[in-house]
Amino acid sequence: MEIPYENLNLIPKLLNAIENLQVQVDLLQEGAKKLDLTKPTNVAEYLGLSKPTIYNYIKDGTFKEGYHFTKSKTDRIKFVEDAIIEFRKG
């Protein structure tokens, strides 16, 4: 299979696009670190969802207990930051 040499001109554009994506990922991670993602209110803000939607995700199983969050004996919910960041990345 022959690849035309003019396609080599696309490499710098692709590299630039990859670098821009990395900057966006870094910014998302920095934003996550600024918020305490163990709390439902901050999780809602980070994900761009309402607090009731967060609780619906818990109820319908979108967020898995033991992975995305834990519950105390008094049913207080504490989210797992890494799992929430992963959830946002899709």
PDB file of N, CA and C in Angstrom:
ATOM      1  N   MET A   1       0.844  -1.179   0.000  1.00  0.00           N
ATOM      2  CA  MET A   1       0.000   0.000   0.000  1.00  0.00           C
ATOM      3  C   MET A   1       0.890   1.244   0.000  1.00  0.00           C
ATOM      4  N   GLU A   2       0.639   2.110  -0.901  1.00  0.00           N
ATOM      5  CA  GLU A   2       1.432   3.316  -1.046  1.00  0.00           C
ATOM      6  C   GLU A   2       0.726   4.497  -0.386  1.00  0.00           C
ATOM      7  N   ILE A   3       1.480   5.251   0.392  1.00  0.00           N
ATOM      8  CA  ILE A   3       0.930   6.429   1.057  1.00  0.00           C
ATOM      9  C   ILE A   3       1.548   7.661   0.412  1.00  0.00           C
ATOM     10  N   PRO A   4       0.720   8.572  -0.052  1.00  0.00           N
ATOM     11  CA  PRO A   4       1.259   9.779  -0.682  1.00  0.00           C
ATOM     12  C   PRO A   4       2.087  10.611   0.311  1.00  0.00           C
ATOM     13  N   TYR A   5       3.207  11.157  -0.161  1.00  0.00           N
ATOM     14  CA  TYR A   5       4.101  11.935   0.692  1.00  0.00           C
ATOM     15  C   TYR A   5       3.438  13.187   1.255  1.00  0.00           C
ATOM     16  N   GLU A   6       2.465  13.727   0.554  1.00  0.00           N
ATOM     17  CA  GLU A   6       1.809  14.938   1.071  1.00  0.00           C
ATOM     18  C   GLU A   6       1.085  14.673   2.394  1.00  0.00           C
ATOM     19  N   ASN A   7       0.774  13.402   2.681  1.00  0.00           N
ATOM     20  CA  ASN A   7       0.149  13.066   3.963  1.00  0.00           C
ATOM     21  C   ASN A   7       1.103  13.293   5.133  1.00  0.00           C
ATOM     22  N   LEU A   8       2.399  13.307   4.866  1.00  0.00           N
ATOM     23  CA  LEU A   8       3.378  13.582   5.918  1.00  0.00           C
ATOM     24  C   LEU A   8       3.212  14.991   6.473  1.00  0.00           C
ATOM     25  N   ASN A   9       2.659  15.882   5.671  1.00  0.00           N
ATOM     26  CA  ASN A   9       2.409  17.250   6.135  1.00  0.00           C
ATOM     27  C   ASN A   9       1.361  17.299   7.243  1.00  0.00           C
ATOM     28  N   LEU A  10       0.577  16.259   7.370  1.00  0.00           N
ATOM     29  CA  LEU A  10      -0.454  16.211   8.402  1.00  0.00           C
ATOM     30  C   LEU A  10       0.123  15.911   9.785  1.00  0.00           C
ATOM     31  N   ILE A  11       1.315  15.356   9.842  1.00  0.00           N
ATOM     32  CA  ILE A  11       1.899  14.951  11.126  1.00  0.00           C
ATOM     33  C   ILE A  11       2.013  16.121  12.104  1.00  0.00           C
ATOM     34  N   PRO A  12       2.524  17.278  11.719  1.00  0.00           N
ATOM     35  CA  PRO A  12       2.577  18.394  12.682  1.00  0.00           C
ATOM     36  C   PRO A  12       1.198  18.820  13.187  1.00  0.00           C
ATOM     37  N   LYS A  13       0.205  18.785  12.305  1.00  0.00           N
ATOM     38  CA  LYS A  13      -1.157  19.137  12.721  1.00  0.00           C
ATOM     39  C   LYS A  13      -1.686  18.123  13.731  1.00  0.00           C
ATOM     40  N   LEU A  14      -1.431  16.850  13.482  1.00  0.00           N
ATOM     41  CA  LEU A  14      -1.869  15.810  14.411  1.00  0.00           C
ATOM     42  C   LEU A  14      -1.168  15.947  15.761  1.00  0.00           C
ATOM     43  N   LEU A  15       0.118  16.221  15.745  1.00  0.00           N
ATOM     44  CA  LEU A  15       0.869  16.408  16.978  1.00  0.00           C
ATOM     45  C   LEU A  15       0.313  17.587  17.767  1.00  0.00           C
ATOM     46  N   ASN A  16       0.003  18.675  17.071  1.00  0.00           N
ATOM     47  CA  ASN A  16      -0.573  19.849  17.735  1.00  0.00           C
ATOM     48  C   ASN A  16      -1.933  19.515  18.357  1.00  0.00           C
ATOM     49  N   ALA A  17      -2.743  18.764  17.648  1.00  0.00           N
ATOM     50  CA  ALA A  17      -4.057  18.370  18.166  1.00  0.00           C
ATOM     51  C   ALA A  17      -3.902  17.502  19.414  1.00  0.00           C
ATOM     52  N   ILE A  18      -2.946  16.587  19.398  1.00  0.00           N
ATOM     53  CA  ILE A  18      -2.703  15.724  20.559  1.00  0.00           C
ATOM     54  C   ILE A  18      -2.242  16.557  21.749  1.00  0.00           C
ATOM     55  N   GLU A  19      -1.350  17.503  21.509  1.00  0.00           N
ATOM     56  CA  GLU A  19      -0.871  18.374  22.585  1.00  0.00           C
ATOM     57  C   GLU A  19      -2.010  19.200  23.178  1.00  0.00           C
ATOM     58  N   ASN A  20      -2.897  19.702  22.330  1.00  0.00           N
ATOM     59  CA  ASN A  20      -4.054  20.468  22.817  1.00  0.00           C
ATOM     60  C   ASN A  20      -4.973  19.595  23.662  1.00  0.00           C
ATOM     61  N   LEU A  21      -5.182  18.372  23.243  1.00  0.00           N
ATOM     62  CA  LEU A  21      -6.003  17.452  24.032  1.00  0.00           C
ATOM     63  C   LEU A  21      -5.365  17.183  25.391  1.00  0.00           C
ATOM     64  N   GLN A  22      -4.039  17.038  25.423  1.00  0.00           N
ATOM     65  CA  GLN A  22      -3.357  16.806  26.697  1.00  0.00           C
ATOM     66  C   GLN A  22      -3.525  17.990  27.632  1.00  0.00           C
ATOM     67  N   VAL A  23      -3.463  19.195  27.091  1.00  0.00           N
ATOM     68  CA  VAL A  23      -3.679  20.397  27.903  1.00  0.00           C
ATOM     69  C   VAL A  23      -5.084  20.378  28.493  1.00  0.00           C
ATOM     70  N   GLN A  24      -6.067  20.003  27.697  1.00  0.00           N
ATOM     71  CA  GLN A  24      -7.448  19.944  28.183  1.00  0.00           C
ATOM     72  C   GLN A  24      -7.594  18.898  29.285  1.00  0.00           C
ATOM     73  N   VAL A  25      -6.975  17.746  29.116  1.00  0.00           N
ATOM     74  CA  VAL A  25      -7.020  16.697  30.148  1.00  0.00           C
ATOM     75  C   VAL A  25      -6.379  17.205  31.430  1.00  0.00           C
ATOM     76  N   ASP A  26      -5.236  17.858  31.306  1.00  0.00           N
ATOM     77  CA  ASP A  26      -4.552  18.397  32.486  1.00  0.00           C
ATOM     78  C   ASP A  26      -5.418  19.417  33.212  1.00  0.00           C
ATOM     79  N   LEU A  27      -6.098  20.283  32.454  1.00  0.00           N
ATOM     80  CA  LEU A  27      -6.982  21.273  33.064  1.00  0.00           C
ATOM     81  C   LEU A  27      -8.148  20.614  33.792  1.00  0.00           C
ATOM     82  N   LEU A  28      -8.704  19.567  33.194  1.00  0.00           N
ATOM     83  CA  LEU A  28      -9.795  18.840  33.845  1.00  0.00           C
ATOM     84  C   LEU A  28      -9.328  18.222  35.156  1.00  0.00           C
ATOM     85  N   GLN A  29      -8.148  17.647  35.138  1.00  0.00           N
ATOM     86  CA  GLN A  29      -7.622  17.024  36.342  1.00  0.00           C
ATOM     87  C   GLN A  29      -7.319  18.061  37.413  1.00  0.00           C
ATOM     88  N   GLU A  30      -6.804  19.224  37.014  1.00  0.00           N
ATOM     89  CA  GLU A  30      -6.557  20.300  37.964  1.00  0.00           C
ATOM     90  C   GLU A  30      -7.867  20.777  38.585  1.00  0.00           C
ATOM     91  N   GLY A  31      -8.895  20.911  37.746  1.00  0.00           N
ATOM     92  CA  GLY A  31     -10.206  21.321  38.249  1.00  0.00           C
ATOM     93  C   GLY A  31     -10.753  20.321  39.235  1.00  0.00           C
ATOM     94  N   ALA A  32     -10.516  19.054  38.986  1.00  0.00           N
ATOM     95  CA  ALA A  32     -10.982  18.007  39.894  1.00  0.00           C
ATOM     96  C   ALA A  32     -10.245  18.085  41.222  1.00  0.00           C
ATOM     97  N   LYS A  33      -8.974  18.434  41.178  1.00  0.00           N
ATOM     98  CA  LYS A  33      -8.183  18.505  42.408  1.00  0.00           C
ATOM     99  C   LYS A  33      -8.592  19.698  43.263  1.00  0.00           C
ATOM    100  N   LYS A  34      -9.087  20.752  42.639  1.00  0.00           N
ATOM    101  CA  LYS A  34      -9.507  21.928  43.393  1.00  0.00           C
ATOM    102  C   LYS A  34     -10.807  21.681  44.138  1.00  0.00           C
ATOM    103  N   LEU A  35     -11.654  20.834  43.580  1.00  0.00           N
ATOM    104  CA  LEU A  35     -12.914  20.488  44.237  1.00  0.00           C
ATOM    105  C   LEU A  35     -12.708  19.241  45.091  1.00  0.00           C
ATOM    106  N   ASP A  36     -13.364  19.200  46.208  1.00  0.00           N
ATOM    107  CA  ASP A  36     -13.346  17.987  47.035  1.00  0.00           C
ATOM    108  C   ASP A  36     -14.379  17.033  46.446  1.00  0.00           C
ATOM    109  N   LEU A  37     -13.919  16.122  45.616  1.00  0.00           N
ATOM    110  CA  LEU A  37     -14.840  15.222  44.910  1.00  0.00           C
ATOM    111  C   LEU A  37     -15.333  14.072  45.760  1.00  0.00           C
ATOM    112  N   THR A  38     -15.207  14.191  47.053  1.00  0.00           N
ATOM    113  CA  THR A  38     -15.801  13.177  47.927  1.00  0.00           C
ATOM    114  C   THR A  38     -17.219  13.593  48.327  1.00  0.00           C
ATOM    115  N   LYS A  39     -17.571  14.845  48.035  1.00  0.00           N
ATOM    116  CA  LYS A  39     -18.872  15.384  48.452  1.00  0.00           C
ATOM    117  C   LYS A  39     -19.837  15.478  47.267  1.00  0.00           C
ATOM    118  N   PRO A  40     -21.092  15.081  47.472  1.00  0.00           N
ATOM    119  CA  PRO A  40     -22.083  15.086  46.389  1.00  0.00           C
ATOM    120  C   PRO A  40     -22.237  16.429  45.683  1.00  0.00           C
ATOM    121  N   THR A  41     -22.228  17.527  46.426  1.00  0.00           N
ATOM    122  CA  THR A  41     -22.388  18.845  45.812  1.00  0.00           C
ATOM    123  C   THR A  41     -21.253  19.139  44.839  1.00  0.00           C
ATOM    124  N   ASN A  42     -20.027  18.827  45.226  1.00  0.00           N
ATOM    125  CA  ASN A  42     -18.874  19.073  44.365  1.00  0.00           C
ATOM    126  C   ASN A  42     -18.843  18.120  43.180  1.00  0.00           C
ATOM    127  N   VAL A  43     -19.282  16.894  43.388  1.00  0.00           N
ATOM    128  CA  VAL A  43     -19.362  15.928  42.285  1.00  0.00           C
ATOM    129  C   VAL A  43     -20.352  16.437  41.245  1.00  0.00           C
ATOM    130  N   ALA A  44     -21.486  16.941  41.707  1.00  0.00           N
ATOM    131  CA  ALA A  44     -22.494  17.493  40.789  1.00  0.00           C
ATOM    132  C   ALA A  44     -21.907  18.652  39.988  1.00  0.00           C
ATOM    133  N   GLU A  45     -21.198  19.547  40.659  1.00  0.00           N
ATOM    134  CA  GLU A  45     -20.593  20.689  39.973  1.00  0.00           C
ATOM    135  C   GLU A  45     -19.549  20.223  38.953  1.00  0.00           C
ATOM    136  N   TYR A  46     -18.693  19.301  39.355  1.00  0.00           N
ATOM    137  CA  TYR A  46     -17.626  18.805  38.482  1.00  0.00           C
ATOM    138  C   TYR A  46     -18.183  18.128  37.237  1.00  0.00           C
ATOM    139  N   LEU A  47     -19.271  17.386  37.406  1.00  0.00           N
ATOM    140  CA  LEU A  47     -19.865  16.668  36.278  1.00  0.00           C
ATOM    141  C   LEU A  47     -20.868  17.513  35.498  1.00  0.00           C
ATOM    142  N   GLY A  48     -21.190  18.694  36.010  1.00  0.00           N
ATOM    143  CA  GLY A  48     -22.155  19.555  35.330  1.00  0.00           C
ATOM    144  C   GLY A  48     -23.568  19.023  35.436  1.00  0.00           C
ATOM    145  N   LEU A  49     -23.862  18.396  36.574  1.00  0.00           N
ATOM    146  CA  LEU A  49     -25.179  17.806  36.813  1.00  0.00           C
ATOM    147  C   LEU A  49     -25.804  18.434  38.054  1.00  0.00           C
ATOM    148  N   SER A  50     -27.085  18.203  38.224  1.00  0.00           N
ATOM    149  CA  SER A  50     -27.741  18.678  39.443  1.00  0.00           C
ATOM    150  C   SER A  50     -27.501  17.664  40.562  1.00  0.00           C
ATOM    151  N   LYS A  51     -27.641  18.128  41.789  1.00  0.00           N
ATOM    152  CA  LYS A  51     -27.480  17.228  42.935  1.00  0.00           C
ATOM    153  C   LYS A  51     -28.526  16.104  42.919  1.00  0.00           C
ATOM    154  N   PRO A  52     -29.796  16.403  42.568  1.00  0.00           N
ATOM    155  CA  PRO A  52     -30.764  15.299  42.470  1.00  0.00           C
ATOM    156  C   PRO A  52     -30.362  14.246  41.426  1.00  0.00           C
ATOM    157  N   THR A  53     -29.740  14.677  40.332  1.00  0.00           N
ATOM    158  CA  THR A  53     -29.277  13.713  39.319  1.00  0.00           C
ATOM    159  C   THR A  53     -28.203  12.802  39.913  1.00  0.00           C
ATOM    160  N   ILE A  54     -27.323  13.366  40.722  1.00  0.00           N
ATOM    161  CA  ILE A  54     -26.283  12.566  41.385  1.00  0.00           C
ATOM    162  C   ILE A  54     -26.942  11.480  42.236  1.00  0.00           C
ATOM    163  N   TYR A  55     -27.955  11.855  43.003  1.00  0.00           N
ATOM    164  CA  TYR A  55     -28.646  10.868  43.839  1.00  0.00           C
ATOM    165  C   TYR A  55     -29.419   9.860  42.996  1.00  0.00           C
ATOM    166  N   ASN A  56     -29.953  10.293  41.863  1.00  0.00           N
ATOM    167  CA  ASN A  56     -30.608   9.348  40.948  1.00  0.00           C
ATOM    168  C   ASN A  56     -29.603   8.347  40.386  1.00  0.00           C
ATOM    169  N   TYR A  57     -28.387   8.814  40.081  1.00  0.00           N
ATOM    170  CA  TYR A  57     -27.336   7.916  39.595  1.00  0.00           C
ATOM    171  C   TYR A  57     -26.986   6.867  40.652  1.00  0.00           C
ATOM    172  N   ILE A  58     -27.032   7.263  41.898  1.00  0.00           N
ATOM    173  CA  ILE A  58     -26.777   6.300  42.980  1.00  0.00           C
ATOM    174  C   ILE A  58     -27.917   5.293  43.035  1.00  0.00           C
ATOM    175  N   LYS A  59     -29.144   5.813  42.982  1.00  0.00           N
ATOM    176  CA  LYS A  59     -30.330   4.961  43.089  1.00  0.00           C
ATOM    177  C   LYS A  59     -30.470   3.985  41.926  1.00  0.00           C
ATOM    178  N   ASP A  60     -30.172   4.455  40.702  1.00  0.00           N
ATOM    179  CA  ASP A  60     -30.382   3.585  39.536  1.00  0.00           C
ATOM    180  C   ASP A  60     -29.162   2.729  39.185  1.00  0.00           C
ATOM    181  N   GLY A  61     -28.076   2.884  39.956  1.00  0.00           N
ATOM    182  CA  GLY A  61     -26.912   2.024  39.748  1.00  0.00           C
ATOM    183  C   GLY A  61     -25.881   2.568  38.771  1.00  0.00           C
ATOM    184  N   THR A  62     -26.093   3.783  38.256  1.00  0.00           N
ATOM    185  CA  THR A  62     -25.084   4.394  37.385  1.00  0.00           C
ATOM    186  C   THR A  62     -23.780   4.552  38.165  1.00  0.00           C
ATOM    187  N   PHE A  63     -23.904   5.020  39.419  1.00  0.00           N
ATOM    188  CA  PHE A  63     -22.768   5.036  40.335  1.00  0.00           C
ATOM    189  C   PHE A  63     -22.852   3.787  41.197  1.00  0.00           C
ATOM    190  N   LYS A  64     -21.791   3.018  41.199  1.00  0.00           N
ATOM    191  CA  LYS A  64     -21.750   1.742  41.919  1.00  0.00           C
ATOM    192  C   LYS A  64     -21.179   1.933  43.321  1.00  0.00           C
ATOM    193  N   GLU A  65     -21.909   1.415  44.309  1.00  0.00           N
ATOM    194  CA  GLU A  65     -21.408   1.442  45.682  1.00  0.00           C
ATOM    195  C   GLU A  65     -20.165   0.558  45.775  1.00  0.00           C
ATOM    196  N   GLY A  66     -19.162   1.061  46.455  1.00  0.00           N
ATOM    197  CA  GLY A  66     -17.910   0.322  46.579  1.00  0.00           C
ATOM    198  C   GLY A  66     -16.927   0.677  45.480  1.00  0.00           C
ATOM    199  N   TYR A  67     -17.397   1.324  44.423  1.00  0.00           N
ATOM    200  CA  TYR A  67     -16.503   1.765  43.354  1.00  0.00           C
ATOM    201  C   TYR A  67     -16.540   3.293  43.225  1.00  0.00           C
ATOM    202  N   HIS A  68     -17.717   3.838  42.933  1.00  0.00           N
ATOM    203  CA  HIS A  68     -17.858   5.284  42.796  1.00  0.00           C
ATOM    204  C   HIS A  68     -18.064   5.972  44.146  1.00  0.00           C
ATOM    205  N   PHE A  69     -18.638   5.256  45.102  1.00  0.00           N
ATOM    206  CA  PHE A  69     -18.928   5.862  46.401  1.00  0.00           C
ATOM    207  C   PHE A  69     -18.987   4.781  47.477  1.00  0.00           C
ATOM    208  N   THR A  70     -18.901   5.239  48.712  1.00  0.00           N
ATOM    209  CA  THR A  70     -19.103   4.360  49.867  1.00  0.00           C
ATOM    210  C   THR A  70     -20.155   5.012  50.765  1.00  0.00           C
ATOM    211  N   LYS A  71     -20.754   4.197  51.612  1.00  0.00           N
ATOM    212  CA  LYS A  71     -21.731   4.699  52.580  1.00  0.00           C
ATOM    213  C   LYS A  71     -21.247   4.372  53.987  1.00  0.00           C
ATOM    214  N   SER A  72     -21.411   5.341  54.875  1.00  0.00           N
ATOM    215  CA  SER A  72     -21.080   5.101  56.275  1.00  0.00           C
ATOM    216  C   SER A  72     -22.253   4.377  56.946  1.00  0.00           C
ATOM    217  N   LYS A  73     -22.075   4.037  58.192  1.00  0.00           N
ATOM    218  CA  LYS A  73     -23.154   3.364  58.929  1.00  0.00           C
ATOM    219  C   LYS A  73     -24.395   4.243  59.041  1.00  0.00           C
ATOM    220  N   THR A  74     -24.193   5.550  58.967  1.00  0.00           N
ATOM    221  CA  THR A  74     -25.318   6.490  59.036  1.00  0.00           C
ATOM    222  C   THR A  74     -25.818   6.884  57.643  1.00  0.00           C
ATOM    223  N   ASP A  75     -25.423   6.106  56.626  1.00  0.00           N
ATOM    224  CA  ASP A  75     -25.814   6.330  55.231  1.00  0.00           C
ATOM    225  C   ASP A  75     -25.262   7.620  54.636  1.00  0.00           C
ATOM    226  N   ARG A  76     -24.198   8.143  55.219  1.00  0.00           N
ATOM    227  CA  ARG A  76     -23.527   9.306  54.622  1.00  0.00           C
ATOM    228  C   ARG A  76     -22.708   8.831  53.425  1.00  0.00           C
ATOM    229  N   ILE A  77     -22.860   9.520  52.300  1.00  0.00           N
ATOM    230  CA  ILE A  77     -22.202   9.115  51.055  1.00  0.00           C
ATOM    231  C   ILE A  77     -20.879   9.851  50.909  1.00  0.00           C
ATOM    232  N   LYS A  78     -19.847   9.091  50.575  1.00  0.00           N
ATOM    233  CA  LYS A  78     -18.529   9.649  50.286  1.00  0.00           C
ATOM    234  C   LYS A  78     -18.091   9.093  48.938  1.00  0.00           C
ATOM    235  N   PHE A  79     -17.843   9.994  48.000  1.00  0.00           N
ATOM    236  CA  PHE A  79     -17.447   9.577  46.656  1.00  0.00           C
ATOM    237  C   PHE A  79     -15.954   9.283  46.599  1.00  0.00           C
ATOM    238  N   VAL A  80     -15.577   8.458  45.627  1.00  0.00           N
ATOM    239  CA  VAL A  80     -14.178   8.116  45.368  1.00  0.00           C
ATOM    240  C   VAL A  80     -13.703   9.003  44.224  1.00  0.00           C
ATOM    241  N   GLU A  81     -12.778   9.905  44.523  1.00  0.00           N
ATOM    242  CA  GLU A  81     -12.373  10.927  43.549  1.00  0.00           C
ATOM    243  C   GLU A  81     -11.913  10.337  42.212  1.00  0.00           C
ATOM    244  N   ASP A  82     -11.037   9.355  42.253  1.00  0.00           N
ATOM    245  CA  ASP A  82     -10.517   8.776  41.009  1.00  0.00           C
ATOM    246  C   ASP A  82     -11.625   8.176  40.149  1.00  0.00           C
ATOM    247  N   ALA A  83     -12.607   7.558  40.787  1.00  0.00           N
ATOM    248  CA  ALA A  83     -13.716   6.954  40.043  1.00  0.00           C
ATOM    249  C   ALA A  83     -14.589   8.034  39.403  1.00  0.00           C
ATOM    250  N   ILE A  84     -14.754   9.155  40.079  1.00  0.00           N
ATOM    251  CA  ILE A  84     -15.555  10.256  39.532  1.00  0.00           C
ATOM    252  C   ILE A  84     -14.827  10.904  38.345  1.00  0.00           C
ATOM    253  N   ILE A  85     -13.518  11.061  38.452  1.00  0.00           N
ATOM    254  CA  ILE A  85     -12.737  11.609  37.345  1.00  0.00           C
ATOM    255  C   ILE A  85     -12.816  10.665  36.149  1.00  0.00           C
ATOM    256  N   GLU A  86     -12.690   9.374  36.408  1.00  0.00           N
ATOM    257  CA  GLU A  86     -12.794   8.374  35.338  1.00  0.00           C
ATOM    258  C   GLU A  86     -14.176   8.414  34.698  1.00  0.00           C
ATOM    259  N   PHE A  87     -15.223   8.559  35.508  1.00  0.00           N
ATOM    260  CA  PHE A  87     -16.593   8.619  35.005  1.00  0.00           C
ATOM    261  C   PHE A  87     -16.742   9.803  34.050  1.00  0.00           C
ATOM    262  N   ARG A  88     -16.181  10.933  34.410  1.00  0.00           N
ATOM    263  CA  ARG A  88     -16.296  12.123  33.551  1.00  0.00           C
ATOM    264  C   ARG A  88     -15.585  11.921  32.212  1.00  0.00           C
ATOM    265  N   LYS A  89     -14.462  11.244  32.248  1.00  0.00           N
ATOM    266  CA  LYS A  89     -13.720  10.999  31.006  1.00  0.00           C
ATOM    267  C   LYS A  89     -14.497  10.095  30.057  1.00  0.00           C
ATOM    268  N   GLY A  90     -15.420   9.328  30.642  1.00  0.00           N
ATOM    269  CA  GLY A  90     -16.278   8.507  29.823  1.00  0.00           C
ATOM    270  C   GLY A  90     -15.734   7.168  29.553  1.00  0.00           C
TER     271      GLY A  90
END
